[in-house]
Amino acid sequence: MGADDDLFAVLDPALRVRGVTGLRVADASVFPTIPSVNPVLTVMLTAERAADLIRQQAGASLGLWVRPVSHRVLRRPRVSPVARRTG
C-alpha cells in the first residue's frame, strides 16, 4: 500500500489493487512491515476499514451518505448491588 505517486505500491490508500477494477486486498499483505504485536488484531482492523471503504463507495454510487460502523467496546451489563444480594 502506498501513495498515489509511489510506483512500487501495488495498492492505493483505499486498499484497491492498481490496474484492476473491483478488487481490494484486506489481509496482512497490505502492511509494508509485519507489526511487532500479534498481527491478528491488525488484520481485523484492516478488514473493518476495508468494509467501511466498500460501504462508503456503495453509498456514493447510489447517491447516499453511508455512516461508518461505530466501534464500541462491549462491556458486561452493570448489575446493581441490590440485585446481587437478592438474586
N, C-alpha and C. Protein backbone atom coordinates (compact mmCIF):
# COMPACT_ATOMS: atom_id res chain seq x y z
N MET A 1 0.86 -1.16 0.00
CA MET A 1 0.00 0.00 0.00
C MET A 1 0.91 1.22 0.00
N GLY A 2 0.52 2.19 -0.78
CA GLY A 2 1.34 3.39 -0.83
C GLY A 2 0.60 4.57 -1.41
N ALA A 3 1.32 5.67 -1.49
CA ALA A 3 0.75 6.91 -2.01
C ALA A 3 0.51 6.79 -3.51
N ASP A 4 -0.25 7.73 -4.05
CA ASP A 4 -0.57 7.69 -5.47
C ASP A 4 0.66 7.82 -6.35
N ASP A 5 1.68 8.53 -5.89
CA ASP A 5 2.88 8.72 -6.70
C ASP A 5 3.94 7.64 -6.50
N ASP A 6 3.68 6.65 -5.65
CA ASP A 6 4.62 5.56 -5.40
C ASP A 6 4.49 4.51 -6.51
N LEU A 7 5.52 4.37 -7.33
CA LEU A 7 5.46 3.44 -8.46
C LEU A 7 5.51 1.98 -8.04
N PHE A 8 6.05 1.69 -6.86
CA PHE A 8 6.20 0.31 -6.41
C PHE A 8 5.04 -0.18 -5.55
N ALA A 9 4.11 0.69 -5.21
CA ALA A 9 2.97 0.30 -4.37
C ALA A 9 1.93 -0.40 -5.24
N VAL A 10 1.53 -1.57 -4.81
CA VAL A 10 0.53 -2.35 -5.54
C VAL A 10 -0.87 -1.86 -5.23
N LEU A 11 -1.08 -1.37 -4.00
CA LEU A 11 -2.40 -0.90 -3.56
C LEU A 11 -2.41 0.61 -3.38
N ASP A 12 -3.57 1.21 -3.59
CA ASP A 12 -3.71 2.62 -3.27
C ASP A 12 -4.18 2.74 -1.82
N PRO A 13 -4.28 3.96 -1.26
CA PRO A 13 -4.68 4.10 0.14
C PRO A 13 -6.08 3.56 0.47
N ALA A 14 -6.93 3.33 -0.55
CA ALA A 14 -8.26 2.77 -0.33
C ALA A 14 -8.26 1.24 -0.47
N LEU A 15 -7.07 0.62 -0.43
CA LEU A 15 -6.88 -0.83 -0.49
C LEU A 15 -7.28 -1.44 -1.84
N ARG A 16 -7.38 -0.62 -2.89
CA ARG A 16 -7.70 -1.13 -4.23
C ARG A 16 -6.42 -1.51 -4.94
N VAL A 17 -6.48 -2.61 -5.70
CA VAL A 17 -5.32 -3.04 -6.48
C VAL A 17 -5.24 -2.14 -7.71
N ARG A 18 -4.06 -1.58 -7.93
CA ARG A 18 -3.87 -0.68 -9.07
C ARG A 18 -3.95 -1.46 -10.37
N GLY A 19 -4.70 -0.95 -11.33
CA GLY A 19 -4.81 -1.58 -12.63
C GLY A 19 -5.87 -2.66 -12.72
N VAL A 20 -6.55 -2.96 -11.62
CA VAL A 20 -7.61 -3.99 -11.61
C VAL A 20 -8.87 -3.34 -11.05
N THR A 21 -9.95 -3.45 -11.76
CA THR A 21 -11.20 -2.86 -11.32
C THR A 21 -11.96 -3.82 -10.41
N GLY A 22 -12.44 -3.31 -9.29
CA GLY A 22 -13.30 -4.10 -8.40
C GLY A 22 -12.57 -5.08 -7.49
N LEU A 23 -11.28 -4.87 -7.24
CA LEU A 23 -10.54 -5.80 -6.38
C LEU A 23 -9.85 -5.01 -5.28
N ARG A 24 -10.10 -5.41 -4.04
CA ARG A 24 -9.43 -4.83 -2.88
C ARG A 24 -8.74 -5.95 -2.11
N VAL A 25 -7.72 -5.58 -1.37
CA VAL A 25 -6.99 -6.54 -0.55
C VAL A 25 -7.13 -6.11 0.90
N ALA A 26 -7.53 -7.03 1.77
CA ALA A 26 -7.71 -6.71 3.18
C ALA A 26 -7.12 -7.83 4.04
N ASP A 27 -5.84 -8.07 3.88
CA ASP A 27 -5.16 -9.06 4.72
C ASP A 27 -3.79 -8.52 5.12
N ALA A 28 -2.94 -9.36 5.69
CA ALA A 28 -1.65 -8.89 6.19
C ALA A 28 -0.70 -8.46 5.09
N SER A 29 -0.99 -8.77 3.85
CA SER A 29 -0.09 -8.38 2.77
C SER A 29 -0.13 -6.88 2.49
N VAL A 30 -1.07 -6.14 3.06
CA VAL A 30 -1.12 -4.69 2.85
C VAL A 30 -0.08 -3.96 3.69
N PHE A 31 0.49 -4.60 4.68
CA PHE A 31 1.45 -3.95 5.56
C PHE A 31 2.84 -3.97 4.94
N PRO A 32 3.54 -2.82 4.95
CA PRO A 32 4.90 -2.82 4.41
C PRO A 32 5.86 -3.62 5.30
N THR A 33 5.60 -3.64 6.60
CA THR A 33 6.36 -4.48 7.54
C THR A 33 5.36 -5.14 8.47
N ILE A 34 5.72 -6.30 8.98
CA ILE A 34 4.84 -7.02 9.91
C ILE A 34 4.88 -6.31 11.26
N PRO A 35 3.71 -6.03 11.86
CA PRO A 35 3.71 -5.37 13.17
C PRO A 35 4.33 -6.25 14.24
N SER A 36 4.90 -5.62 15.26
CA SER A 36 5.57 -6.38 16.30
C SER A 36 4.59 -7.08 17.23
N VAL A 37 3.35 -6.60 17.28
CA VAL A 37 2.33 -7.27 18.10
C VAL A 37 1.70 -8.39 17.29
N ASN A 38 0.82 -9.13 17.91
CA ASN A 38 0.12 -10.20 17.20
C ASN A 38 -0.63 -9.60 16.01
N PRO A 39 -0.38 -10.07 14.79
CA PRO A 39 -0.98 -9.43 13.62
C PRO A 39 -2.48 -9.69 13.44
N VAL A 40 -3.06 -10.58 14.22
CA VAL A 40 -4.48 -10.91 14.04
C VAL A 40 -5.35 -9.67 14.26
N LEU A 41 -5.10 -8.93 15.31
CA LEU A 41 -5.90 -7.74 15.59
C LEU A 41 -5.71 -6.69 14.50
N THR A 42 -4.48 -6.52 14.05
CA THR A 42 -4.22 -5.54 12.99
C THR A 42 -4.91 -5.92 11.70
N VAL A 43 -4.95 -7.21 11.38
CA VAL A 43 -5.64 -7.67 10.17
C VAL A 43 -7.15 -7.46 10.31
N MET A 44 -7.69 -7.71 11.50
CA MET A 44 -9.12 -7.49 11.71
C MET A 44 -9.48 -6.01 11.57
N LEU A 45 -8.63 -5.13 12.07
CA LEU A 45 -8.88 -3.70 11.92
C LEU A 45 -8.78 -3.27 10.45
N THR A 46 -7.86 -3.88 9.72
CA THR A 46 -7.75 -3.60 8.29
C THR A 46 -9.00 -4.05 7.57
N ALA A 47 -9.53 -5.20 7.93
CA ALA A 47 -10.76 -5.70 7.31
C ALA A 47 -11.94 -4.79 7.64
N GLU A 48 -12.01 -4.28 8.87
CA GLU A 48 -13.07 -3.34 9.23
C GLU A 48 -12.97 -2.06 8.41
N ARG A 49 -11.73 -1.59 8.22
CA ARG A 49 -11.53 -0.38 7.41
C ARG A 49 -11.93 -0.64 5.96
N ALA A 50 -11.58 -1.81 5.42
CA ALA A 50 -11.97 -2.15 4.05
C ALA A 50 -13.49 -2.20 3.93
N ALA A 51 -14.16 -2.75 4.92
CA ALA A 51 -15.62 -2.81 4.89
C ALA A 51 -16.22 -1.41 4.90
N ASP A 52 -15.65 -0.51 5.70
CA ASP A 52 -16.12 0.89 5.70
C ASP A 52 -15.91 1.55 4.35
N LEU A 53 -14.74 1.31 3.73
CA LEU A 53 -14.46 1.90 2.42
C LEU A 53 -15.43 1.38 1.36
N ILE A 54 -15.72 0.09 1.39
CA ILE A 54 -16.65 -0.50 0.42
C ILE A 54 -18.05 0.04 0.65
N ARG A 55 -18.45 0.14 1.92
CA ARG A 55 -19.78 0.66 2.26
C ARG A 55 -19.92 2.11 1.80
N GLN A 56 -18.88 2.91 2.00
CA GLN A 56 -18.93 4.31 1.57
C GLN A 56 -18.99 4.41 0.05
N GLN A 57 -18.23 3.58 -0.65
CA GLN A 57 -18.24 3.61 -2.11
C GLN A 57 -19.60 3.17 -2.65
N ALA A 58 -20.19 2.17 -2.04
CA ALA A 58 -21.52 1.70 -2.48
C ALA A 58 -22.57 2.78 -2.24
N GLY A 59 -22.48 3.45 -1.12
CA GLY A 59 -23.43 4.53 -0.84
C GLY A 59 -23.25 5.70 -1.78
N ALA A 60 -22.01 6.02 -2.13
CA ALA A 60 -21.74 7.13 -3.03
C ALA A 60 -22.26 6.83 -4.43
N SER A 61 -22.16 5.58 -4.85
CA SER A 61 -22.65 5.24 -6.19
C SER A 61 -24.17 5.29 -6.26
N LEU A 62 -24.83 5.15 -5.12
CA LEU A 62 -26.29 5.25 -5.07
C LEU A 62 -26.77 6.66 -4.71
N GLY A 63 -25.82 7.55 -4.48
CA GLY A 63 -26.17 8.91 -4.09
C GLY A 63 -26.53 9.03 -2.63
N LEU A 64 -26.08 8.10 -1.82
CA LEU A 64 -26.38 8.11 -0.38
C LEU A 64 -25.13 8.41 0.41
N TRP A 65 -25.31 8.95 1.60
CA TRP A 65 -24.20 9.08 2.52
C TRP A 65 -24.30 7.91 3.50
N VAL A 66 -23.24 7.15 3.62
CA VAL A 66 -23.25 5.98 4.50
C VAL A 66 -22.31 6.25 5.65
N ARG A 67 -22.84 6.14 6.85
CA ARG A 67 -22.05 6.36 8.05
C ARG A 67 -21.22 5.13 8.36
N PRO A 68 -19.92 5.28 8.64
CA PRO A 68 -19.12 4.12 9.03
C PRO A 68 -19.67 3.49 10.31
N VAL A 69 -19.47 2.22 10.45
CA VAL A 69 -19.94 1.49 11.63
C VAL A 69 -19.18 2.00 12.84
N SER A 70 -19.91 2.27 13.92
CA SER A 70 -19.24 2.73 15.14
C SER A 70 -18.56 1.55 15.81
N HIS A 71 -17.40 1.81 16.34
CA HIS A 71 -16.63 0.76 17.01
C HIS A 71 -16.79 0.96 18.51
N ARG A 72 -17.74 0.25 19.08
CA ARG A 72 -17.99 0.37 20.51
C ARG A 72 -17.35 -0.79 21.24
N VAL A 73 -16.90 -0.50 22.44
CA VAL A 73 -16.35 -1.55 23.29
C VAL A 73 -17.52 -2.24 23.99
N LEU A 74 -17.58 -3.54 23.86
CA LEU A 74 -18.66 -4.28 24.52
C LEU A 74 -18.30 -4.52 25.97
N ARG A 75 -19.23 -4.24 26.84
CA ARG A 75 -19.00 -4.41 28.28
C ARG A 75 -20.11 -5.26 28.86
N ARG A 76 -19.80 -5.88 29.98
CA ARG A 76 -20.82 -6.65 30.68
C ARG A 76 -21.87 -5.69 31.22
N PRO A 77 -23.13 -6.11 31.25
CA PRO A 77 -24.16 -5.23 31.82
C PRO A 77 -23.91 -5.01 33.30
N ARG A 78 -24.19 -3.81 33.74
CA ARG A 78 -23.99 -3.49 35.15
C ARG A 78 -25.13 -4.05 35.97
N VAL A 79 -24.79 -4.63 37.07
CA VAL A 79 -25.79 -5.19 37.98
C VAL A 79 -25.72 -4.39 39.27
N SER A 80 -26.86 -3.92 39.72
CA SER A 80 -26.87 -3.11 40.94
C SER A 80 -26.53 -3.98 42.15
N PRO A 81 -25.98 -3.38 43.22
CA PRO A 81 -25.65 -4.15 44.42
C PRO A 81 -26.89 -4.81 45.03
N VAL A 82 -28.04 -4.18 44.90
CA VAL A 82 -29.27 -4.77 45.45
C VAL A 82 -29.61 -6.05 44.69
N ALA A 83 -29.49 -6.05 43.42
CA ALA A 83 -29.82 -7.24 42.62
C ALA A 83 -28.85 -8.38 42.92
N ARG A 84 -27.60 -8.06 43.26
CA ARG A 84 -26.64 -9.11 43.58
C ARG A 84 -27.03 -9.83 44.87
N ARG A 85 -27.51 -9.07 45.87
CA ARG A 85 -27.85 -9.68 47.16
C ARG A 85 -29.12 -10.50 47.06
N THR A 86 -30.09 -10.03 46.29
CA THR A 86 -31.36 -10.73 46.25
C THR A 86 -31.39 -11.83 45.21
N GLY A 87 -30.52 -11.77 44.19
CA GLY A 87 -30.57 -12.71 43.10
C GLY A 87 -29.80 -13.92 43.40
